[in-house]
């Protein structure tokens, strides 16, 4: 069994999280500028055993894809072409940024640190991954 790589795709920067090889623990990996994302993923996959991508799916409150889906869909298509052997799962990412922000408050991070958008993106990716892992391990 390989790692799961979670992707919280953004137009400017993208948060990444990864599971351990046994898929027990979700951990923050990195935040990368989106224009360098595919190169980063290629390098990471070649160095680590990844057999599943989990990509955050932005949805509106009614469950329909949100406006930002138009930016994520081409990325997901490209990801599938680059890694046809790796399965891609889309996971509802509603409220992950709010949950990430609350997690930072609960963790005692100072206001200045909570304004670090790259940190929020990494935590959001970790929340996406953790929620996915919880659904498959029930």
C-alpha atoms as a PDB file:
ATOM      1  CA  UNK A   1       0.000   0.000   0.000  1.00  0.00           C
ATOM      2  CA  UNK A   2       1.371   3.409  -0.939  1.00  0.00           C
ATOM      3  CA  UNK A   3       0.926   6.891   0.372  1.00  0.00           C
ATOM      4  CA  UNK A   4      -2.042   9.147  -0.307  1.00  0.00           C
ATOM      5  CA  UNK A   5      -1.138  12.643  -1.521  1.00  0.00           C
ATOM      6  CA  UNK A   6      -3.799  15.276  -0.778  1.00  0.00           C
ATOM      7  CA  UNK A   7      -3.980  18.453  -2.815  1.00  0.00           C
ATOM      8  CA  UNK A   8      -5.747  21.663  -1.766  1.00  0.00           C
ATOM      9  CA  UNK A   9      -5.479  23.383  -5.150  1.00  0.00           C
ATOM     10  CA  UNK A  10      -5.380  27.154  -5.322  1.00  0.00           C
ATOM     11  CA  UNK A  11      -4.793  29.581  -8.161  1.00  0.00           C
ATOM     12  CA  UNK A  12      -1.693  31.066  -6.502  1.00  0.00           C
ATOM     13  CA  UNK A  13      -0.492  28.383  -4.112  1.00  0.00           C
ATOM     14  CA  UNK A  14      -1.416  24.820  -3.318  1.00  0.00           C
ATOM     15  CA  UNK A  15      -1.349  23.038   0.007  1.00  0.00           C
ATOM     16  CA  UNK A  16      -0.178  19.434   0.123  1.00  0.00           C
ATOM     17  CA  UNK A  17      -0.539  16.717   2.733  1.00  0.00           C
ATOM     18  CA  UNK A  18       0.499  13.080   2.713  1.00  0.00           C
ATOM     19  CA  UNK A  19      -0.317   9.909   4.578  1.00  0.00           C
ATOM     20  CA  UNK A  20       2.193   7.503   5.993  1.00  0.00           C
ATOM     21  CA  UNK A  21       2.699   4.330   3.892  1.00  0.00           C
ATOM     22  CA  UNK A  22       0.195   2.402   6.059  1.00  0.00           C
ATOM     23  CA  UNK A  23      -2.414   5.153   5.606  1.00  0.00           C
ATOM     24  CA  UNK A  24      -2.881   5.683   9.315  1.00  0.00           C
ATOM     25  CA  UNK A  25      -1.618   9.236   9.839  1.00  0.00           C
ATOM     26  CA  UNK A  26      -2.220  12.348   7.730  1.00  0.00           C
ATOM     27  CA  UNK A  27       0.514  14.953   7.870  1.00  0.00           C
ATOM     28  CA  UNK A  28       1.175  18.338   6.374  1.00  0.00           C
ATOM     29  CA  UNK A  29       3.693  18.205   3.517  1.00  0.00           C
ATOM     30  CA  UNK A  30       4.234  21.588   1.874  1.00  0.00           C
ATOM     31  CA  UNK A  31       2.719  24.630   0.222  1.00  0.00           C
ATOM     32  CA  UNK A  32       4.006  25.311  -3.277  1.00  0.00           C
ATOM     33  CA  UNK A  33       3.371  28.015  -5.864  1.00  0.00           C
ATOM     34  CA  UNK A  34       0.733  26.527  -8.151  1.00  0.00           C
ATOM     35  CA  UNK A  35       2.769  27.203 -11.283  1.00  0.00           C
ATOM     36  CA  UNK A  36       5.415  24.775  -9.937  1.00  0.00           C
ATOM     37  CA  UNK A  37       2.932  22.209  -8.609  1.00  0.00           C
ATOM     38  CA  UNK A  38       3.176  19.570 -11.341  1.00  0.00           C
ATOM     39  CA  UNK A  39       6.992  19.514 -11.188  1.00  0.00           C
ATOM     40  CA  UNK A  40       6.808  19.183  -7.401  1.00  0.00           C
ATOM     41  CA  UNK A  41       4.335  16.297  -7.633  1.00  0.00           C
ATOM     42  CA  UNK A  42       6.420  14.508 -10.287  1.00  0.00           C
ATOM     43  CA  UNK A  43       9.497  14.740  -8.076  1.00  0.00           C
ATOM     44  CA  UNK A  44       7.617  13.664  -4.949  1.00  0.00           C
ATOM     45  CA  UNK A  45       5.941  10.684  -6.629  1.00  0.00           C
ATOM     46  CA  UNK A  46       9.246   9.495  -8.113  1.00  0.00           C
ATOM     47  CA  UNK A  47      10.879   9.549  -4.653  1.00  0.00           C
ATOM     48  CA  UNK A  48       7.932   8.192  -2.615  1.00  0.00           C
ATOM     49  CA  UNK A  49       5.351   5.478  -3.147  1.00  0.00           C
ATOM     50  CA  UNK A  50       2.116   7.314  -3.945  1.00  0.00           C
ATOM     51  CA  UNK A  51      -0.832   5.325  -5.237  1.00  0.00           C
ATOM     52  CA  UNK A  52      -3.715   7.738  -4.668  1.00  0.00           C
ATOM     53  CA  UNK A  53      -4.305  11.464  -5.123  1.00  0.00           C
ATOM     54  CA  UNK A  54      -7.048  13.137  -3.098  1.00  0.00           C
ATOM     55  CA  UNK A  55      -8.008  16.527  -4.501  1.00  0.00           C
ATOM     56  CA  UNK A  56     -10.218  19.004  -2.688  1.00  0.00           C
ATOM     57  CA  UNK A  57     -13.464  19.598  -4.570  1.00  0.00           C
ATOM     58  CA  UNK A  58     -14.890  23.062  -3.977  1.00  0.00           C
ATOM     59  CA  UNK A  59     -18.663  22.981  -3.573  1.00  0.00           C
ATOM     60  CA  UNK A  60     -21.355  25.515  -2.878  1.00  0.00           C
ATOM     61  CA  UNK A  61     -23.718  25.066   0.044  1.00  0.00           C
ATOM     62  CA  UNK A  62     -26.243  23.310  -2.240  1.00  0.00           C
ATOM     63  CA  UNK A  63     -23.626  20.711  -3.210  1.00  0.00           C
ATOM     64  CA  UNK A  64     -23.017  22.012  -6.724  1.00  0.00           C
ATOM     65  CA  UNK A  65     -19.406  22.642  -7.817  1.00  0.00           C
ATOM     66  CA  UNK A  66     -18.314  26.174  -6.948  1.00  0.00           C
ATOM     67  CA  UNK A  67     -16.973  28.722  -9.395  1.00  0.00           C
ATOM     68  CA  UNK A  68     -13.370  27.803  -8.566  1.00  0.00           C
ATOM     69  CA  UNK A  69     -13.959  24.286  -9.924  1.00  0.00           C
ATOM     70  CA  UNK A  70     -13.252  25.696 -13.389  1.00  0.00           C
ATOM     71  CA  UNK A  71      -9.607  26.114 -12.325  1.00  0.00           C
ATOM     72  CA  UNK A  72      -9.304  22.746 -10.620  1.00  0.00           C
ATOM     73  CA  UNK A  73     -10.834  20.596 -13.374  1.00  0.00           C
ATOM     74  CA  UNK A  74      -8.018  21.262 -15.917  1.00  0.00           C
ATOM     75  CA  UNK A  75      -5.437  20.488 -13.228  1.00  0.00           C
ATOM     76  CA  UNK A  76      -7.157  17.193 -12.338  1.00  0.00           C
ATOM     77  CA  UNK A  77      -7.310  16.264 -16.044  1.00  0.00           C
ATOM     78  CA  UNK A  78      -3.588  17.000 -16.436  1.00  0.00           C
ATOM     79  CA  UNK A  79      -2.793  15.056 -13.260  1.00  0.00           C
ATOM     80  CA  UNK A  80      -4.650  12.046 -14.660  1.00  0.00           C
ATOM     81  CA  UNK A  81      -2.688  12.226 -17.915  1.00  0.00           C
ATOM     82  CA  UNK A  82       0.668  12.573 -16.140  1.00  0.00           C
ATOM     83  CA  UNK A  83      -0.064   9.711 -13.726  1.00  0.00           C
ATOM     84  CA  UNK A  84      -2.551   7.363 -15.409  1.00  0.00           C
ATOM     85  CA  UNK A  85      -1.636   4.572 -12.982  1.00  0.00           C
ATOM     86  CA  UNK A  86      -2.550   6.621  -9.893  1.00  0.00           C
ATOM     87  CA  UNK A  87      -6.201   6.887  -8.908  1.00  0.00           C
ATOM     88  CA  UNK A  88      -7.655  10.357  -8.251  1.00  0.00           C
ATOM     89  CA  UNK A  89     -10.447  10.937  -5.720  1.00  0.00           C
ATOM     90  CA  UNK A  90     -12.274  14.246  -5.379  1.00  0.00           C
ATOM     91  CA  UNK A  91     -13.254  15.127  -1.789  1.00  0.00           C
ATOM     92  CA  UNK A  92     -15.653  17.820  -0.615  1.00  0.00           C
ATOM     93  CA  UNK A  93     -13.556  20.648   0.789  1.00  0.00           C
ATOM     94  CA  UNK A  94     -16.301  22.905   2.109  1.00  0.00           C
ATOM     95  CA  UNK A  95     -15.283  24.616   5.323  1.00  0.00           C
ATOM     96  CA  UNK A  96     -11.702  23.263   5.347  1.00  0.00           C
ATOM     97  CA  UNK A  97     -10.188  26.771   5.444  1.00  0.00           C
ATOM     98  CA  UNK A  98     -12.441  27.732   8.350  1.00  0.00           C
ATOM     99  CA  UNK A  99     -11.640  24.491  10.162  1.00  0.00           C
ATOM    100  CA  UNK A 100      -7.917  25.076   9.522  1.00  0.00           C
ATOM    101  CA  UNK A 101      -8.152  28.593  10.935  1.00  0.00           C
ATOM    102  CA  UNK A 102     -10.030  27.355  14.015  1.00  0.00           C
ATOM    103  CA  UNK A 103      -7.437  24.595  14.440  1.00  0.00           C
ATOM    104  CA  UNK A 104      -4.697  27.242  14.520  1.00  0.00           C
ATOM    105  CA  UNK A 105      -6.610  29.239  17.139  1.00  0.00           C
ATOM    106  CA  UNK A 106      -7.224  26.114  19.220  1.00  0.00           C
ATOM    107  CA  UNK A 107      -3.539  25.249  18.880  1.00  0.00           C
ATOM    108  CA  UNK A 108      -2.593  28.598  20.397  1.00  0.00           C
ATOM    109  CA  UNK A 109      -0.969  30.134  17.325  1.00  0.00           C
ATOM    110  CA  UNK A 110      -0.517  33.878  17.571  1.00  0.00           C
ATOM    111  CA  UNK A 111      -2.473  36.155  15.221  1.00  0.00           C
ATOM    112  CA  UNK A 112       0.587  36.872  13.066  1.00  0.00           C
ATOM    113  CA  UNK A 113       1.182  33.155  12.431  1.00  0.00           C
ATOM    114  CA  UNK A 114      -2.522  32.582  11.682  1.00  0.00           C
ATOM    115  CA  UNK A 115      -2.241  35.100   8.835  1.00  0.00           C
ATOM    116  CA  UNK A 116       0.251  32.814   7.057  1.00  0.00           C
ATOM    117  CA  UNK A 117      -1.876  31.683   4.096  1.00  0.00           C
ATOM    118  CA  UNK A 118       0.646  28.973   3.164  1.00  0.00           C
ATOM    119  CA  UNK A 119       0.160  27.424   6.614  1.00  0.00           C
ATOM    120  CA  UNK A 120      -3.627  27.571   6.208  1.00  0.00           C
ATOM    121  CA  UNK A 121      -3.290  25.793   2.834  1.00  0.00           C
ATOM    122  CA  UNK A 122      -1.155  23.005   4.335  1.00  0.00           C
ATOM    123  CA  UNK A 123      -3.534  22.521   7.231  1.00  0.00           C
ATOM    124  CA  UNK A 124      -6.505  22.513   4.834  1.00  0.00           C
ATOM    125  CA  UNK A 125      -4.848  19.791   2.738  1.00  0.00           C
ATOM    126  CA  UNK A 126      -4.243  17.794   5.911  1.00  0.00           C
ATOM    127  CA  UNK A 127      -7.910  18.152   6.915  1.00  0.00           C
ATOM    128  CA  UNK A 128      -9.003  17.004   3.430  1.00  0.00           C
ATOM    129  CA  UNK A 129      -6.725  13.975   3.707  1.00  0.00           C
ATOM    130  CA  UNK A 130      -7.776  13.146   7.266  1.00  0.00           C
ATOM    131  CA  UNK A 131     -11.469  13.295   6.383  1.00  0.00           C
ATOM    132  CA  UNK A 132     -10.885  11.038   3.373  1.00  0.00           C
ATOM    133  CA  UNK A 133      -8.917   8.554   5.463  1.00  0.00           C
ATOM    134  CA  UNK A 134     -11.683   8.488   8.075  1.00  0.00           C
ATOM    135  CA  UNK A 135     -14.252   7.558   5.422  1.00  0.00           C
ATOM    136  CA  UNK A 136     -12.181   4.676   4.016  1.00  0.00           C
ATOM    137  CA  UNK A 137     -11.192   3.310   7.439  1.00  0.00           C
ATOM    138  CA  UNK A 138     -14.712   2.959   8.844  1.00  0.00           C
END
